[in-house]
Amino acid sequence: MPGLDLLAAFAAATLIFAAMPGPAMLYVAAQTVAHGARGGLRSALGVHLGGYVHVVAAALGLAVLFQTVPALYLAFKLAGAAYLCWLGLTLILGATPHPDAAVPPPAPGGLGASALVEILNPKTALFFLAFLPQFTDPSAALPLWAQLAVLGAAVNLAFSAADLAAVALAAGLTRRLRDAVRTRRLAARLGGGTLIGLGVHLATSRT
């Protein structure tokens, strides 16, 4: 593995990036607002599992395809944006909770849907591709691909910890208002609108 000085720099940089609000954090917060803490935790777990796809891709060198084949990057970006918009519309159109329901039911395929949201975000792949190699040591006993896998897993865990913090904050804010049917309907629409906004931002961003 890299030396302690390189690992210390890696840990500091990872914590800084993890604390910065990003699409995944906003996504799990929106799911929490719409479906409560359980829905938020389910979405955070899905995003975490989806992140390992990008870790493996970076370790095997597959993520470089997004740089060498721009059409592939664009296809993944638009697919991810469309999927986010579809999830948002599903929340908004289904924002008619039963008066006896404490929390609206989770969207179909909650865990798998959240993993797919992360998998279809090519920016995550490019982040791992640009970030992880800076903290590897070609002269270390551990092969380069293994170093990338270990570092990538550590980054994914740190980002998921930040997502869990977002779930806790969003759940705390919505728990006090969950008894009002109108408030639950508004929460679902707010969560859906956030997802649609994320999708539009992803589709229109230049990178």
N, C-alpha and C. Protein backbone atom coordinates (compact mmCIF):
# COMPACT_ATOMS: atom_id res chain seq x y z
N MET A 1 0.84 -1.20 0.00
CA MET A 1 0.00 0.00 0.00
C MET A 1 0.88 1.25 0.00
N PRO A 2 0.31 2.40 -0.37
CA PRO A 2 1.08 3.65 -0.34
C PRO A 2 1.55 3.97 1.07
N GLY A 3 2.52 4.89 1.16
CA GLY A 3 3.05 5.27 2.46
C GLY A 3 2.04 6.02 3.30
N LEU A 4 2.38 6.20 4.59
CA LEU A 4 1.47 6.86 5.51
C LEU A 4 1.18 8.29 5.12
N ASP A 5 2.19 9.00 4.58
CA ASP A 5 1.97 10.39 4.19
C ASP A 5 0.95 10.48 3.05
N LEU A 6 1.04 9.55 2.10
CA LEU A 6 0.10 9.53 0.98
C LEU A 6 -1.30 9.12 1.45
N LEU A 7 -1.35 8.17 2.37
CA LEU A 7 -2.65 7.74 2.90
C LEU A 7 -3.30 8.85 3.73
N ALA A 8 -2.50 9.63 4.45
CA ALA A 8 -3.04 10.75 5.23
C ALA A 8 -3.64 11.80 4.30
N ALA A 9 -2.94 12.08 3.21
CA ALA A 9 -3.47 13.03 2.23
C ALA A 9 -4.75 12.50 1.59
N PHE A 10 -4.77 11.19 1.33
CA PHE A 10 -5.95 10.56 0.75
C PHE A 10 -7.14 10.68 1.71
N ALA A 11 -6.91 10.41 2.99
CA ALA A 11 -7.98 10.48 3.98
C ALA A 11 -8.54 11.90 4.10
N ALA A 12 -7.65 12.88 4.11
CA ALA A 12 -8.10 14.27 4.23
C ALA A 12 -8.92 14.68 3.01
N ALA A 13 -8.43 14.35 1.83
CA ALA A 13 -9.15 14.71 0.61
C ALA A 13 -10.49 14.00 0.52
N THR A 14 -10.52 12.74 0.95
CA THR A 14 -11.78 11.97 0.91
C THR A 14 -12.82 12.58 1.83
N LEU A 15 -12.41 12.97 3.03
CA LEU A 15 -13.35 13.57 3.98
C LEU A 15 -13.89 14.90 3.45
N ILE A 16 -13.04 15.67 2.79
CA ILE A 16 -13.49 16.95 2.23
C ILE A 16 -14.54 16.71 1.14
N PHE A 17 -14.23 15.79 0.23
CA PHE A 17 -15.19 15.51 -0.85
C PHE A 17 -16.48 14.90 -0.30
N ALA A 18 -16.37 14.05 0.71
CA ALA A 18 -17.56 13.41 1.28
C ALA A 18 -18.49 14.43 1.92
N ALA A 19 -17.92 15.49 2.50
CA ALA A 19 -18.72 16.50 3.19
C ALA A 19 -19.41 17.46 2.21
N MET A 20 -18.99 17.46 0.96
CA MET A 20 -19.58 18.36 -0.02
C MET A 20 -20.88 17.77 -0.55
N PRO A 21 -22.00 18.51 -0.46
CA PRO A 21 -23.28 17.99 -0.97
C PRO A 21 -23.19 17.71 -2.46
N GLY A 22 -23.59 16.51 -2.84
CA GLY A 22 -23.56 16.11 -4.25
C GLY A 22 -24.87 15.48 -4.64
N PRO A 23 -24.98 15.00 -5.89
CA PRO A 23 -26.22 14.40 -6.37
C PRO A 23 -26.71 13.23 -5.52
N ALA A 24 -25.79 12.36 -5.08
CA ALA A 24 -26.20 11.21 -4.27
C ALA A 24 -26.79 11.65 -2.94
N MET A 25 -26.17 12.64 -2.32
CA MET A 25 -26.67 13.13 -1.03
C MET A 25 -28.05 13.76 -1.19
N LEU A 26 -28.23 14.55 -2.24
CA LEU A 26 -29.53 15.16 -2.50
C LEU A 26 -30.57 14.09 -2.84
N TYR A 27 -30.13 13.06 -3.55
CA TYR A 27 -31.05 11.98 -3.92
C TYR A 27 -31.59 11.26 -2.69
N VAL A 28 -30.70 10.87 -1.77
CA VAL A 28 -31.16 10.14 -0.59
C VAL A 28 -31.97 11.05 0.32
N ALA A 29 -31.65 12.34 0.35
CA ALA A 29 -32.46 13.27 1.15
C ALA A 29 -33.86 13.39 0.57
N ALA A 30 -33.95 13.46 -0.76
CA ALA A 30 -35.25 13.53 -1.41
C ALA A 30 -36.07 12.28 -1.14
N GLN A 31 -35.43 11.12 -1.19
CA GLN A 31 -36.14 9.87 -0.90
C GLN A 31 -36.60 9.82 0.55
N THR A 32 -35.80 10.39 1.45
CA THR A 32 -36.18 10.42 2.86
C THR A 32 -37.38 11.33 3.07
N VAL A 33 -37.37 12.48 2.44
CA VAL A 33 -38.49 13.41 2.55
C VAL A 33 -39.77 12.76 2.03
N ALA A 34 -39.65 12.02 0.93
CA ALA A 34 -40.82 11.42 0.31
C ALA A 34 -41.29 10.15 1.02
N HIS A 35 -40.35 9.33 1.54
CA HIS A 35 -40.71 8.01 2.05
C HIS A 35 -40.30 7.75 3.49
N GLY A 36 -39.75 8.75 4.16
CA GLY A 36 -39.35 8.55 5.54
C GLY A 36 -37.96 7.95 5.67
N ALA A 37 -37.55 7.73 6.92
CA ALA A 37 -36.19 7.25 7.19
C ALA A 37 -35.91 5.91 6.55
N ARG A 38 -36.90 5.01 6.57
CA ARG A 38 -36.68 3.69 5.98
C ARG A 38 -36.41 3.78 4.49
N GLY A 39 -37.18 4.62 3.81
CA GLY A 39 -36.93 4.81 2.38
C GLY A 39 -35.58 5.45 2.12
N GLY A 40 -35.19 6.39 2.98
CA GLY A 40 -33.89 7.02 2.83
C GLY A 40 -32.75 6.04 3.04
N LEU A 41 -32.86 5.18 4.05
CA LEU A 41 -31.83 4.18 4.29
C LEU A 41 -31.75 3.19 3.14
N ARG A 42 -32.90 2.82 2.61
CA ARG A 42 -32.90 1.90 1.48
C ARG A 42 -32.21 2.53 0.26
N SER A 43 -32.49 3.80 0.02
CA SER A 43 -31.86 4.46 -1.12
C SER A 43 -30.36 4.65 -0.89
N ALA A 44 -29.95 4.94 0.36
CA ALA A 44 -28.52 5.10 0.66
C ALA A 44 -27.78 3.79 0.43
N LEU A 45 -28.40 2.67 0.83
CA LEU A 45 -27.77 1.37 0.62
C LEU A 45 -27.66 1.08 -0.88
N GLY A 46 -28.70 1.41 -1.64
CA GLY A 46 -28.65 1.19 -3.08
C GLY A 46 -27.55 2.00 -3.74
N VAL A 47 -27.44 3.27 -3.35
CA VAL A 47 -26.37 4.11 -3.90
C VAL A 47 -25.01 3.55 -3.53
N HIS A 48 -24.88 3.07 -2.29
CA HIS A 48 -23.61 2.49 -1.85
C HIS A 48 -23.23 1.27 -2.69
N LEU A 49 -24.19 0.39 -2.92
CA LEU A 49 -23.92 -0.81 -3.72
C LEU A 49 -23.59 -0.43 -5.17
N GLY A 50 -24.30 0.56 -5.70
CA GLY A 50 -24.01 1.01 -7.06
C GLY A 50 -22.63 1.61 -7.17
N GLY A 51 -22.15 2.22 -6.08
CA GLY A 51 -20.82 2.81 -6.10
C GLY A 51 -19.72 1.79 -6.32
N TYR A 52 -19.95 0.55 -5.86
CA TYR A 52 -18.93 -0.48 -6.04
C TYR A 52 -18.76 -0.86 -7.52
N VAL A 53 -19.79 -0.64 -8.31
CA VAL A 53 -19.64 -0.88 -9.74
C VAL A 53 -18.58 0.06 -10.31
N HIS A 54 -18.61 1.30 -9.87
CA HIS A 54 -17.62 2.27 -10.34
C HIS A 54 -16.23 1.97 -9.77
N VAL A 55 -16.19 1.45 -8.54
CA VAL A 55 -14.90 1.08 -7.96
C VAL A 55 -14.25 -0.04 -8.78
N VAL A 56 -15.03 -1.05 -9.11
CA VAL A 56 -14.51 -2.16 -9.91
C VAL A 56 -14.10 -1.67 -11.29
N ALA A 57 -14.92 -0.79 -11.88
CA ALA A 57 -14.59 -0.26 -13.20
C ALA A 57 -13.27 0.51 -13.18
N ALA A 58 -13.06 1.29 -12.12
CA ALA A 58 -11.81 2.05 -12.00
C ALA A 58 -10.63 1.11 -11.80
N ALA A 59 -10.80 0.08 -10.97
CA ALA A 59 -9.71 -0.86 -10.70
C ALA A 59 -9.31 -1.63 -11.95
N LEU A 60 -10.28 -1.94 -12.79
CA LEU A 60 -10.00 -2.71 -14.01
C LEU A 60 -9.69 -1.84 -15.21
N GLY A 61 -9.75 -0.53 -15.02
CA GLY A 61 -9.44 0.38 -16.12
C GLY A 61 -10.59 0.62 -17.07
N LEU A 62 -11.80 0.15 -16.72
CA LEU A 62 -12.93 0.30 -17.62
C LEU A 62 -13.46 1.73 -17.66
N ALA A 63 -13.26 2.48 -16.56
CA ALA A 63 -13.79 3.84 -16.50
C ALA A 63 -13.16 4.75 -17.55
N VAL A 64 -11.96 4.38 -18.02
CA VAL A 64 -11.29 5.22 -19.02
C VAL A 64 -12.08 5.26 -20.32
N LEU A 65 -12.99 4.31 -20.51
CA LEU A 65 -13.82 4.31 -21.72
C LEU A 65 -14.66 5.57 -21.82
N PHE A 66 -15.05 6.13 -20.68
CA PHE A 66 -15.86 7.35 -20.72
C PHE A 66 -15.06 8.53 -21.26
N GLN A 67 -13.73 8.47 -21.12
CA GLN A 67 -12.89 9.53 -21.66
C GLN A 67 -12.57 9.30 -23.14
N THR A 68 -12.39 8.06 -23.51
CA THR A 68 -11.99 7.76 -24.89
C THR A 68 -13.17 7.61 -25.84
N VAL A 69 -14.37 7.34 -25.29
CA VAL A 69 -15.56 7.20 -26.13
C VAL A 69 -16.61 8.19 -25.62
N PRO A 70 -16.58 9.45 -26.11
CA PRO A 70 -17.53 10.46 -25.62
C PRO A 70 -18.99 10.07 -25.80
N ALA A 71 -19.29 9.33 -26.85
CA ALA A 71 -20.69 8.94 -27.09
C ALA A 71 -21.19 8.03 -25.97
N LEU A 72 -20.31 7.18 -25.44
CA LEU A 72 -20.70 6.30 -24.34
C LEU A 72 -20.98 7.11 -23.09
N TYR A 73 -20.14 8.10 -22.82
CA TYR A 73 -20.35 8.98 -21.67
C TYR A 73 -21.69 9.70 -21.79
N LEU A 74 -21.97 10.25 -22.99
CA LEU A 74 -23.21 10.98 -23.21
C LEU A 74 -24.43 10.06 -23.04
N ALA A 75 -24.32 8.85 -23.55
CA ALA A 75 -25.43 7.90 -23.44
C ALA A 75 -25.74 7.58 -21.98
N PHE A 76 -24.69 7.33 -21.19
CA PHE A 76 -24.90 7.03 -19.77
C PHE A 76 -25.47 8.25 -19.05
N LYS A 77 -24.97 9.44 -19.38
CA LYS A 77 -25.44 10.65 -18.71
C LYS A 77 -26.92 10.89 -18.99
N LEU A 78 -27.33 10.76 -20.25
CA LEU A 78 -28.73 10.99 -20.60
C LEU A 78 -29.63 9.90 -20.02
N ALA A 79 -29.13 8.65 -20.00
CA ALA A 79 -29.92 7.57 -19.42
C ALA A 79 -30.13 7.81 -17.93
N GLY A 80 -29.08 8.21 -17.25
CA GLY A 80 -29.20 8.50 -15.82
C GLY A 80 -30.12 9.67 -15.55
N ALA A 81 -30.04 10.71 -16.39
CA ALA A 81 -30.91 11.87 -16.22
C ALA A 81 -32.37 11.49 -16.44
N ALA A 82 -32.62 10.71 -17.48
CA ALA A 82 -33.99 10.28 -17.76
C ALA A 82 -34.55 9.43 -16.63
N TYR A 83 -33.70 8.58 -16.06
CA TYR A 83 -34.14 7.71 -14.98
C TYR A 83 -34.48 8.51 -13.73
N LEU A 84 -33.67 9.51 -13.42
CA LEU A 84 -33.96 10.38 -12.28
C LEU A 84 -35.29 11.11 -12.47
N CYS A 85 -35.51 11.62 -13.68
CA CYS A 85 -36.76 12.33 -13.97
C CYS A 85 -37.95 11.38 -13.84
N TRP A 86 -37.78 10.14 -14.30
CA TRP A 86 -38.87 9.17 -14.20
C TRP A 86 -39.19 8.87 -12.75
N LEU A 87 -38.15 8.71 -11.92
CA LEU A 87 -38.38 8.47 -10.49
C LEU A 87 -39.09 9.66 -9.85
N GLY A 88 -38.69 10.87 -10.25
CA GLY A 88 -39.33 12.07 -9.71
C GLY A 88 -40.80 12.15 -10.09
N LEU A 89 -41.11 11.86 -11.34
CA LEU A 89 -42.50 11.87 -11.78
C LEU A 89 -43.32 10.80 -11.06
N THR A 90 -42.69 9.64 -10.80
CA THR A 90 -43.38 8.58 -10.06
C THR A 90 -43.77 9.06 -8.67
N LEU A 91 -42.87 9.79 -8.00
CA LEU A 91 -43.19 10.32 -6.68
C LEU A 91 -44.31 11.35 -6.75
N ILE A 92 -44.23 12.26 -7.72
CA ILE A 92 -45.22 13.32 -7.81
C ILE A 92 -46.60 12.77 -8.16
N LEU A 93 -46.67 11.89 -9.14
CA LEU A 93 -47.96 11.34 -9.56
C LEU A 93 -48.56 10.42 -8.51
N GLY A 94 -47.70 9.85 -7.65
CA GLY A 94 -48.20 8.97 -6.61
C GLY A 94 -48.35 9.65 -5.27
N ALA A 95 -48.31 10.98 -5.26
CA ALA A 95 -48.35 11.74 -4.00
C ALA A 95 -49.78 11.90 -3.49
N THR A 96 -50.49 10.78 -3.32
CA THR A 96 -51.84 10.80 -2.78
C THR A 96 -51.94 9.75 -1.69
N PRO A 97 -51.24 9.91 -0.59
CA PRO A 97 -51.19 8.89 0.46
C PRO A 97 -52.55 8.66 1.11
N HIS A 98 -52.77 7.45 1.57
CA HIS A 98 -53.98 7.11 2.30
C HIS A 98 -53.95 7.80 3.66
N PRO A 99 -55.08 8.31 4.14
CA PRO A 99 -55.07 9.04 5.42
C PRO A 99 -54.51 8.23 6.58
N ASP A 100 -54.62 6.88 6.51
CA ASP A 100 -54.12 6.06 7.61
C ASP A 100 -52.66 5.69 7.48
N ALA A 101 -52.03 6.07 6.36
CA ALA A 101 -50.63 5.69 6.13
C ALA A 101 -49.71 6.69 6.78
N ALA A 102 -48.79 6.23 7.60
CA ALA A 102 -47.86 7.14 8.27
C ALA A 102 -46.83 7.68 7.30
N VAL A 103 -46.40 6.85 6.36
CA VAL A 103 -45.38 7.23 5.38
C VAL A 103 -45.80 6.67 4.04
N PRO A 104 -45.65 7.43 2.93
CA PRO A 104 -46.00 6.90 1.63
C PRO A 104 -45.18 5.66 1.32
N PRO A 105 -45.73 4.70 0.60
CA PRO A 105 -44.98 3.49 0.27
C PRO A 105 -43.79 3.81 -0.62
N PRO A 106 -42.70 3.04 -0.50
CA PRO A 106 -41.52 3.30 -1.32
C PRO A 106 -41.80 3.06 -2.78
N ALA A 107 -41.06 3.76 -3.62
CA ALA A 107 -41.21 3.60 -5.06
C ALA A 107 -40.81 2.19 -5.46
N PRO A 108 -41.39 1.66 -6.57
CA PRO A 108 -41.05 0.31 -7.00
C PRO A 108 -39.55 0.14 -7.18
N GLY A 109 -39.01 -0.99 -6.69
CA GLY A 109 -37.60 -1.28 -6.86
C GLY A 109 -36.70 -0.31 -6.14
N GLY A 110 -37.06 0.08 -4.90
CA GLY A 110 -36.31 1.11 -4.18
C GLY A 110 -34.81 0.86 -4.12
N LEU A 111 -34.41 -0.33 -3.69
CA LEU A 111 -32.98 -0.62 -3.56
C LEU A 111 -32.31 -0.69 -4.93
N GLY A 112 -32.91 -1.46 -5.83
CA GLY A 112 -32.34 -1.58 -7.17
C GLY A 112 -32.37 -0.27 -7.93
N ALA A 113 -33.45 0.49 -7.74
CA ALA A 113 -33.56 1.77 -8.43
C ALA A 113 -32.46 2.72 -7.99
N SER A 114 -32.17 2.73 -6.69
CA SER A 114 -31.13 3.62 -6.17
C SER A 114 -29.75 3.19 -6.65
N ALA A 115 -29.52 1.88 -6.70
CA ALA A 115 -28.24 1.40 -7.24
C ALA A 115 -28.10 1.81 -8.70
N LEU A 116 -29.19 1.71 -9.46
CA LEU A 116 -29.13 2.06 -10.87
C LEU A 116 -28.88 3.54 -11.07
N VAL A 117 -29.44 4.37 -10.19
CA VAL A 117 -29.19 5.81 -10.26
C VAL A 117 -27.69 6.09 -10.17
N GLU A 118 -27.02 5.41 -9.24
CA GLU A 118 -25.57 5.61 -9.07
C GLU A 118 -24.79 5.02 -10.24
N ILE A 119 -25.19 3.85 -10.70
CA ILE A 119 -24.48 3.21 -11.81
C ILE A 119 -24.55 4.04 -13.07
N LEU A 120 -25.70 4.68 -13.30
CA LEU A 120 -25.91 5.45 -14.52
C LEU A 120 -25.35 6.86 -14.45
N ASN A 121 -24.61 7.17 -13.39
CA ASN A 121 -23.99 8.48 -13.27
C ASN A 121 -22.52 8.39 -13.69
N PRO A 122 -22.20 8.77 -14.92
CA PRO A 122 -20.81 8.63 -15.39
C PRO A 122 -19.85 9.56 -14.67
N LYS A 123 -20.37 10.61 -14.04
CA LYS A 123 -19.49 11.53 -13.32
C LYS A 123 -18.82 10.82 -12.14
N THR A 124 -19.52 9.86 -11.55
CA THR A 124 -18.92 9.09 -10.46
C THR A 124 -17.73 8.29 -10.98
N ALA A 125 -17.90 7.68 -12.14
CA ALA A 125 -16.81 6.90 -12.73
C ALA A 125 -15.60 7.79 -13.01
N LEU A 126 -15.85 8.98 -13.58
CA LEU A 126 -14.75 9.88 -13.90
C LEU A 126 -14.08 10.42 -12.63
N PHE A 127 -14.87 10.59 -11.57
CA PHE A 127 -14.28 11.04 -10.31
C PHE A 127 -13.29 10.01 -9.79
N PHE A 128 -13.71 8.75 -9.76
CA PHE A 128 -12.80 7.70 -9.30
C PHE A 128 -11.57 7.62 -10.19
N LEU A 129 -11.79 7.78 -11.50
CA LEU A 129 -10.68 7.69 -12.45
C LEU A 129 -9.67 8.80 -12.24
N ALA A 130 -10.14 9.99 -11.90
CA ALA A 130 -9.24 11.13 -11.71
C ALA A 130 -8.66 11.18 -10.30
N PHE A 131 -9.43 10.72 -9.31
CA PHE A 131 -9.03 10.90 -7.91
C PHE A 131 -8.13 9.80 -7.39
N LEU A 132 -8.51 8.55 -7.63
CA LEU A 132 -7.80 7.43 -6.99
C LEU A 132 -6.34 7.28 -7.41
N PRO A 133 -6.00 7.40 -8.72
CA PRO A 133 -4.60 7.17 -9.10
C PRO A 133 -3.60 8.12 -8.44
N GLN A 134 -4.07 9.27 -7.96
CA GLN A 134 -3.16 10.22 -7.31
C GLN A 134 -2.61 9.68 -6.00
N PHE A 135 -3.23 8.66 -5.45
CA PHE A 135 -2.84 8.16 -4.14
C PHE A 135 -2.36 6.70 -4.20
N THR A 136 -1.97 6.28 -5.38
CA THR A 136 -1.41 4.93 -5.52
C THR A 136 0.11 5.01 -5.60
N ASP A 137 0.75 3.90 -5.32
CA ASP A 137 2.20 3.83 -5.35
C ASP A 137 2.61 2.63 -6.22
N PRO A 138 3.12 2.90 -7.44
CA PRO A 138 3.49 1.80 -8.34
C PRO A 138 4.56 0.88 -7.76
N SER A 139 5.34 1.39 -6.81
CA SER A 139 6.41 0.58 -6.24
C SER A 139 5.96 -0.26 -5.04
N ALA A 140 4.70 -0.11 -4.65
CA ALA A 140 4.20 -0.86 -3.49
C ALA A 140 4.05 -2.33 -3.83
N ALA A 141 4.04 -3.17 -2.80
CA ALA A 141 3.92 -4.61 -3.02
C ALA A 141 2.53 -4.97 -3.54
N LEU A 142 1.53 -4.21 -3.14
CA LEU A 142 0.16 -4.48 -3.58
C LEU A 142 0.00 -4.03 -5.03
N PRO A 143 -0.55 -4.87 -5.90
CA PRO A 143 -0.74 -4.49 -7.31
C PRO A 143 -1.57 -3.22 -7.43
N LEU A 144 -1.37 -2.51 -8.54
CA LEU A 144 -2.05 -1.23 -8.73
C LEU A 144 -3.56 -1.40 -8.72
N TRP A 145 -4.06 -2.44 -9.37
CA TRP A 145 -5.50 -2.63 -9.41
C TRP A 145 -6.08 -2.87 -8.02
N ALA A 146 -5.31 -3.56 -7.16
CA ALA A 146 -5.77 -3.83 -5.81
C ALA A 146 -5.75 -2.55 -4.97
N GLN A 147 -4.74 -1.71 -5.18
CA GLN A 147 -4.70 -0.43 -4.49
C GLN A 147 -5.92 0.41 -4.86
N LEU A 148 -6.25 0.44 -6.16
CA LEU A 148 -7.40 1.21 -6.61
C LEU A 148 -8.69 0.67 -6.00
N ALA A 149 -8.78 -0.65 -5.89
CA ALA A 149 -9.99 -1.26 -5.33
C ALA A 149 -10.14 -0.91 -3.85
N VAL A 150 -9.04 -0.99 -3.09
CA VAL A 150 -9.10 -0.70 -1.66
C VAL A 150 -9.41 0.78 -1.43
N LEU A 151 -8.71 1.66 -2.15
CA LEU A 151 -8.95 3.09 -1.99
C LEU A 151 -10.37 3.45 -2.43
N GLY A 152 -10.83 2.83 -3.52
CA GLY A 152 -12.18 3.11 -4.00
C GLY A 152 -13.23 2.68 -3.00
N ALA A 153 -13.03 1.52 -2.38
CA ALA A 153 -13.98 1.06 -1.36
C ALA A 153 -14.01 2.01 -0.17
N ALA A 154 -12.84 2.53 0.21
CA ALA A 154 -12.78 3.48 1.32
C ALA A 154 -13.53 4.76 0.98
N VAL A 155 -13.37 5.25 -0.25
CA VAL A 155 -14.09 6.45 -0.68
C VAL A 155 -15.60 6.19 -0.68
N ASN A 156 -15.99 5.04 -1.18
CA ASN A 156 -17.41 4.72 -1.24
C ASN A 156 -18.03 4.66 0.16
N LEU A 157 -17.30 4.10 1.12
CA LEU A 157 -17.78 4.05 2.50
C LEU A 157 -17.90 5.45 3.10
N ALA A 158 -16.92 6.31 2.82
CA ALA A 158 -16.96 7.67 3.35
C ALA A 158 -18.14 8.45 2.76
N PHE A 159 -18.35 8.30 1.47
CA PHE A 159 -19.47 8.99 0.83
C PHE A 159 -20.80 8.48 1.37
N SER A 160 -20.89 7.17 1.62
CA SER A 160 -22.12 6.61 2.15
C SER A 160 -22.38 7.09 3.58
N ALA A 161 -21.33 7.29 4.35
CA ALA A 161 -21.50 7.83 5.70
C ALA A 161 -22.12 9.23 5.63
N ALA A 162 -21.66 10.03 4.66
CA ALA A 162 -22.24 11.35 4.48
C ALA A 162 -23.70 11.25 4.03
N ASP A 163 -24.00 10.26 3.17
CA ASP A 163 -25.39 10.07 2.74
C ASP A 163 -26.27 9.70 3.93
N LEU A 164 -25.76 8.87 4.84
CA LEU A 164 -26.53 8.49 6.02
C LEU A 164 -26.79 9.71 6.91
N ALA A 165 -25.83 10.61 6.98
CA ALA A 165 -26.03 11.84 7.75
C ALA A 165 -27.14 12.68 7.12
N ALA A 166 -27.18 12.70 5.78
CA ALA A 166 -28.24 13.44 5.09
C ALA A 166 -29.60 12.81 5.36
N VAL A 167 -29.63 11.48 5.40
CA VAL A 167 -30.89 10.78 5.72
C VAL A 167 -31.35 11.15 7.12
N ALA A 168 -30.43 11.15 8.07
CA ALA A 168 -30.79 11.47 9.45
C ALA A 168 -31.33 12.89 9.58
N LEU A 169 -30.68 13.83 8.90
CA LEU A 169 -31.14 15.22 8.96
C LEU A 169 -32.51 15.38 8.32
N ALA A 170 -32.69 14.78 7.14
CA ALA A 170 -33.97 14.90 6.44
C ALA A 170 -35.08 14.21 7.21
N ALA A 171 -34.77 13.06 7.81
CA ALA A 171 -35.78 12.34 8.60
C ALA A 171 -36.19 13.14 9.82
N GLY A 172 -35.21 13.80 10.45
CA GLY A 172 -35.53 14.60 11.63
C GLY A 172 -36.44 15.77 11.30
N LEU A 173 -36.24 16.35 10.12
CA LEU A 173 -37.06 17.49 9.72
C LEU A 173 -38.48 17.08 9.36
N THR A 174 -38.62 15.91 8.76
CA THR A 174 -39.93 15.47 8.29
C THR A 174 -40.72 14.69 9.33
N ARG A 175 -40.06 14.15 10.34
CA ARG A 175 -40.75 13.32 11.33
C ARG A 175 -41.82 14.11 12.08
N ARG A 176 -41.55 15.38 12.32
CA ARG A 176 -42.50 16.19 13.07
C ARG A 176 -43.75 16.51 12.25
N LEU A 177 -43.62 16.39 10.93
CA LEU A 177 -44.74 16.78 10.07
C LEU A 177 -45.45 15.60 9.44
N ARG A 178 -45.09 14.40 9.80
CA ARG A 178 -45.59 13.23 9.09
C ARG A 178 -47.07 12.95 9.35
N ASP A 179 -47.65 13.54 10.40
CA ASP A 179 -49.04 13.25 10.72
C ASP A 179 -50.03 13.97 9.82
N ALA A 180 -49.62 14.99 9.11
CA ALA A 180 -50.53 15.73 8.24
C ALA A 180 -50.52 15.13 6.85
N VAL A 181 -51.72 14.73 6.38
CA VAL A 181 -51.83 14.13 5.05
C VAL A 181 -51.34 15.12 3.99
N ARG A 182 -51.75 16.37 4.12
CA ARG A 182 -51.34 17.38 3.14
C ARG A 182 -49.83 17.55 3.15
N THR A 183 -49.23 17.49 4.32
CA THR A 183 -47.77 17.63 4.43
C THR A 183 -47.07 16.46 3.78
N ARG A 184 -47.60 15.24 3.97
CA ARG A 184 -46.98 14.08 3.33
C ARG A 184 -47.06 14.18 1.81
N ARG A 185 -48.20 14.68 1.33
CA ARG A 185 -48.34 14.85 -0.11
C ARG A 185 -47.33 15.87 -0.62
N LEU A 186 -47.17 16.97 0.13
CA LEU A 186 -46.21 18.00 -0.26
C LEU A 186 -44.79 17.46 -0.21
N ALA A 187 -44.49 16.61 0.80
CA ALA A 187 -43.15 16.04 0.92
C ALA A 187 -42.83 15.16 -0.27
N ALA A 188 -43.82 14.35 -0.71
CA ALA A 188 -43.59 13.50 -1.86
C ALA A 188 -43.35 14.33 -3.11
N ARG A 189 -44.09 15.40 -3.27
CA ARG A 189 -43.91 16.26 -4.44
C ARG A 189 -42.58 17.00 -4.37
N LEU A 190 -42.19 17.39 -3.16
CA LEU A 190 -40.90 18.05 -3.00
C LEU A 190 -39.76 17.10 -3.36
N GLY A 191 -39.86 15.85 -2.87
CA GLY A 191 -38.84 14.86 -3.20
C GLY A 191 -38.80 14.58 -4.69
N GLY A 192 -39.98 14.45 -5.30
CA GLY A 192 -40.03 14.21 -6.74
C GLY A 192 -39.46 15.36 -7.53
N GLY A 193 -39.78 16.59 -7.11
CA GLY A 193 -39.24 17.75 -7.80
C GLY A 193 -37.73 17.84 -7.70
N THR A 194 -37.19 17.43 -6.54
CA THR A 194 -35.74 17.42 -6.37
C THR A 194 -35.09 16.43 -7.33
N LEU A 195 -35.68 15.24 -7.47
CA LEU A 195 -35.12 14.24 -8.38
C LEU A 195 -35.17 14.72 -9.83
N ILE A 196 -36.29 15.35 -10.21
CA ILE A 196 -36.40 15.88 -11.58
C ILE A 196 -35.35 16.97 -11.80
N GLY A 197 -35.17 17.82 -10.79
CA GLY A 197 -34.15 18.86 -10.90
C GLY A 197 -32.76 18.28 -11.08
N LEU A 198 -32.45 17.21 -10.32
CA LEU A 198 -31.16 16.55 -10.48
C LEU A 198 -31.00 15.97 -11.87
N GLY A 199 -32.08 15.38 -12.39
CA GLY A 199 -32.03 14.81 -13.74
C GLY A 199 -31.78 15.86 -14.79
N VAL A 200 -32.48 16.98 -14.68
CA VAL A 200 -32.31 18.07 -15.64
C VAL A 200 -30.89 18.62 -15.57
N HIS A 201 -30.39 18.79 -14.33
CA HIS A 201 -29.02 19.29 -14.16
C HIS A 201 -28.00 18.35 -14.79
N LEU A 202 -28.20 17.05 -14.57
CA LEU A 202 -27.26 16.07 -15.14
C LEU A 202 -27.30 16.10 -16.66
N ALA A 203 -28.51 16.22 -17.23
CA ALA A 203 -28.65 16.19 -18.68
C ALA A 203 -28.07 17.44 -19.33
N THR A 204 -28.16 18.59 -18.67
CA THR A 204 -27.74 19.84 -19.28
C THR A 204 -26.31 20.26 -18.93
N SER A 205 -25.70 19.56 -17.97
CA SER A 205 -24.32 19.92 -17.60
C SER A 205 -23.37 19.60 -18.73
N ARG A 206 -22.33 20.38 -18.88
CA ARG A 206 -21.39 20.22 -19.98
C ARG A 206 -20.35 19.13 -19.71
N THR A 207 -20.23 18.72 -18.47
CA THR A 207 -19.24 17.69 -18.12
C THR A 207 -19.93 16.49 -17.53
